[in-house]
Amino acid sequence: MLNTTIAAMLGTPEILLILAGVLLLFGGKKIPELMRGLGKGVKEFKEGKDGPEGDAADIKSDNKPL
């Protein structure tokens, strides 16, 4: 409940101020690298979340009686 209240209070000027602060802290060259790393992390998380279930189904289908 508190998170949605805080997000609702952020307007365009506040978001622009936050983005300007991030730009000043990290610089223009570092931000694409940070976003690329964040994207890879999200991709690995999704694959890891879905991976074991798919692998278990493959293993079960490969088990054949001798």
N, C-alpha and C. Protein backbone atom coordinates (compact mmCIF):
# COMPACT_ATOMS: atom_id res chain seq x y z
N MET A 1 0.83 -1.19 0.00
CA MET A 1 0.00 0.00 0.00
C MET A 1 0.87 1.25 0.00
N LEU A 2 1.92 1.21 0.79
CA LEU A 2 2.81 2.36 0.88
C LEU A 2 3.55 2.58 -0.43
N ASN A 3 3.96 1.50 -1.10
CA ASN A 3 4.70 1.62 -2.35
C ASN A 3 3.86 2.30 -3.43
N THR A 4 2.60 1.96 -3.52
CA THR A 4 1.75 2.59 -4.52
C THR A 4 1.49 4.06 -4.18
N THR A 5 1.47 4.39 -2.92
CA THR A 5 1.27 5.78 -2.51
C THR A 5 2.48 6.62 -2.91
N ILE A 6 3.67 6.08 -2.70
CA ILE A 6 4.88 6.81 -3.06
C ILE A 6 4.97 6.97 -4.57
N ALA A 7 4.67 5.91 -5.32
CA ALA A 7 4.73 5.97 -6.78
C ALA A 7 3.70 6.96 -7.32
N ALA A 8 2.56 7.06 -6.68
CA ALA A 8 1.52 7.98 -7.14
C ALA A 8 1.93 9.43 -6.89
N MET A 9 2.79 9.66 -5.92
CA MET A 9 3.20 11.01 -5.59
C MET A 9 4.31 11.52 -6.50
N LEU A 10 4.96 10.62 -7.25
CA LEU A 10 6.02 11.05 -8.16
C LEU A 10 5.42 11.57 -9.46
N GLY A 11 5.72 12.80 -9.77
CA GLY A 11 5.24 13.40 -11.01
C GLY A 11 6.38 13.51 -12.01
N THR A 12 6.11 14.15 -13.11
CA THR A 12 7.12 14.32 -14.16
C THR A 12 8.34 15.09 -13.67
N PRO A 13 8.18 16.20 -12.95
CA PRO A 13 9.37 16.93 -12.48
C PRO A 13 10.25 16.09 -11.55
N GLU A 14 9.62 15.31 -10.69
CA GLU A 14 10.39 14.48 -9.75
C GLU A 14 11.17 13.40 -10.49
N ILE A 15 10.52 12.77 -11.47
CA ILE A 15 11.18 11.71 -12.25
C ILE A 15 12.35 12.30 -13.04
N LEU A 16 12.15 13.48 -13.63
CA LEU A 16 13.23 14.12 -14.38
C LEU A 16 14.39 14.48 -13.46
N LEU A 17 14.09 14.91 -12.26
CA LEU A 17 15.14 15.24 -11.29
C LEU A 17 15.93 13.99 -10.90
N ILE A 18 15.24 12.89 -10.69
CA ILE A 18 15.91 11.63 -10.36
C ILE A 18 16.79 11.18 -11.51
N LEU A 19 16.28 11.26 -12.75
CA LEU A 19 17.06 10.86 -13.92
C LEU A 19 18.29 11.75 -14.10
N ALA A 20 18.15 13.05 -13.84
CA ALA A 20 19.29 13.96 -13.94
C ALA A 20 20.34 13.61 -12.88
N GLY A 21 19.90 13.26 -11.70
CA GLY A 21 20.83 12.84 -10.64
C GLY A 21 21.57 11.57 -11.01
N VAL A 22 20.87 10.62 -11.59
CA VAL A 22 21.52 9.37 -12.04
C VAL A 22 22.53 9.68 -13.12
N LEU A 23 22.19 10.55 -14.04
CA LEU A 23 23.10 10.93 -15.12
C LEU A 23 24.35 11.59 -14.56
N LEU A 24 24.19 12.45 -13.57
CA LEU A 24 25.35 13.11 -12.96
C LEU A 24 26.22 12.12 -12.18
N LEU A 25 25.59 11.16 -11.51
CA LEU A 25 26.35 10.19 -10.71
C LEU A 25 27.15 9.23 -11.58
N PHE A 26 26.53 8.69 -12.60
CA PHE A 26 27.16 7.63 -13.37
C PHE A 26 27.76 8.09 -14.69
N GLY A 27 27.30 9.19 -15.23
CA GLY A 27 27.82 9.66 -16.51
C GLY A 27 27.11 8.99 -17.68
N GLY A 28 27.23 9.60 -18.84
CA GLY A 28 26.53 9.13 -20.02
C GLY A 28 27.02 7.80 -20.55
N LYS A 29 28.30 7.48 -20.36
CA LYS A 29 28.84 6.24 -20.90
C LYS A 29 28.50 5.04 -20.02
N LYS A 30 28.34 5.25 -18.75
CA LYS A 30 28.14 4.14 -17.82
C LYS A 30 26.69 3.67 -17.78
N ILE A 31 25.74 4.54 -18.07
CA ILE A 31 24.32 4.18 -17.98
C ILE A 31 23.94 3.05 -18.94
N PRO A 32 24.35 3.07 -20.22
CA PRO A 32 24.00 1.93 -21.09
C PRO A 32 24.57 0.60 -20.58
N GLU A 33 25.77 0.64 -20.00
CA GLU A 33 26.35 -0.57 -19.44
C GLU A 33 25.53 -1.07 -18.26
N LEU A 34 25.08 -0.16 -17.42
CA LEU A 34 24.25 -0.54 -16.27
C LEU A 34 22.93 -1.15 -16.73
N MET A 35 22.31 -0.53 -17.73
CA MET A 35 21.02 -1.05 -18.23
C MET A 35 21.20 -2.40 -18.92
N ARG A 36 22.30 -2.57 -19.63
CA ARG A 36 22.59 -3.85 -20.28
C ARG A 36 22.75 -4.95 -19.23
N GLY A 37 23.47 -4.65 -18.17
CA GLY A 37 23.65 -5.61 -17.08
C GLY A 37 22.33 -5.92 -16.39
N LEU A 38 21.50 -4.91 -16.21
CA LEU A 38 20.19 -5.11 -15.60
C LEU A 38 19.32 -6.00 -16.49
N GLY A 39 19.38 -5.76 -17.80
CA GLY A 39 18.61 -6.58 -18.74
C GLY A 39 19.06 -8.03 -18.73
N LYS A 40 20.37 -8.25 -18.68
CA LYS A 40 20.89 -9.62 -18.62
C LYS A 40 20.46 -10.30 -17.33
N GLY A 41 20.47 -9.56 -16.24
CA GLY A 41 20.05 -10.12 -14.96
C GLY A 41 18.59 -10.53 -14.97
N VAL A 42 17.74 -9.70 -15.54
CA VAL A 42 16.32 -10.02 -15.63
C VAL A 42 16.10 -11.23 -16.52
N LYS A 43 16.84 -11.30 -17.64
CA LYS A 43 16.73 -12.43 -18.56
C LYS A 43 17.15 -13.73 -17.88
N GLU A 44 18.26 -13.70 -17.15
CA GLU A 44 18.72 -14.89 -16.43
C GLU A 44 17.73 -15.30 -15.36
N PHE A 45 17.13 -14.32 -14.69
CA PHE A 45 16.14 -14.63 -13.65
C PHE A 45 14.94 -15.34 -14.26
N LYS A 46 14.45 -14.83 -15.39
CA LYS A 46 13.30 -15.45 -16.04
C LYS A 46 13.63 -16.85 -16.51
N GLU A 47 14.83 -17.04 -17.10
CA GLU A 47 15.24 -18.37 -17.54
C GLU A 47 15.40 -19.31 -16.36
N GLY A 48 15.95 -18.83 -15.27
CA GLY A 48 16.13 -19.65 -14.08
C GLY A 48 14.80 -20.01 -13.44
N LYS A 49 13.86 -19.08 -13.50
CA LYS A 49 12.55 -19.33 -12.92
C LYS A 49 11.80 -20.39 -13.72
N ASP A 50 11.89 -20.34 -15.04
CA ASP A 50 11.16 -21.27 -15.90
C ASP A 50 11.96 -22.51 -16.23
N GLY A 51 13.27 -22.45 -16.11
CA GLY A 51 14.15 -23.52 -16.54
C GLY A 51 13.94 -24.87 -15.86
N PRO A 52 13.94 -24.95 -14.54
CA PRO A 52 13.86 -26.27 -13.90
C PRO A 52 12.59 -27.04 -14.25
N GLU A 53 11.47 -26.36 -14.41
CA GLU A 53 10.23 -27.05 -14.75
C GLU A 53 10.33 -27.67 -16.14
N GLY A 54 10.88 -26.94 -17.09
CA GLY A 54 11.05 -27.46 -18.44
C GLY A 54 12.05 -28.60 -18.48
N ASP A 55 13.13 -28.49 -17.70
CA ASP A 55 14.13 -29.55 -17.65
C ASP A 55 13.56 -30.81 -17.04
N ALA A 56 12.74 -30.67 -16.01
CA ALA A 56 12.15 -31.84 -15.35
C ALA A 56 11.21 -32.57 -16.31
N ALA A 57 10.48 -31.85 -17.12
CA ALA A 57 9.58 -32.48 -18.08
C ALA A 57 10.37 -33.24 -19.13
N ASP A 58 11.51 -32.68 -19.56
CA ASP A 58 12.35 -33.36 -20.53
C ASP A 58 12.95 -34.63 -19.96
N ILE A 59 13.35 -34.59 -18.71
CA ILE A 59 13.94 -35.76 -18.07
C ILE A 59 12.89 -36.86 -17.93
N LYS A 60 11.68 -36.51 -17.55
CA LYS A 60 10.62 -37.51 -17.39
C LYS A 60 10.29 -38.17 -18.72
N SER A 61 10.29 -37.41 -19.81
CA SER A 61 9.94 -38.00 -21.10
C SER A 61 11.07 -38.89 -21.63
N ASP A 62 12.31 -38.65 -21.19
CA ASP A 62 13.44 -39.47 -21.64
C ASP A 62 13.56 -40.78 -20.88
N ASN A 63 12.94 -40.89 -19.73
CA ASN A 63 13.02 -42.12 -18.94
C ASN A 63 12.18 -43.22 -19.59
N LYS A 64 12.86 -44.21 -20.12
CA LYS A 64 12.16 -45.32 -20.74
C LYS A 64 12.51 -46.61 -19.97
N PRO A 65 11.56 -47.50 -19.83
CA PRO A 65 11.88 -48.75 -19.14
C PRO A 65 12.87 -49.58 -19.96
N LEU A 66 13.77 -50.24 -19.26
CA LEU A 66 14.77 -51.04 -19.96
C LEU A 66 14.25 -52.37 -20.38
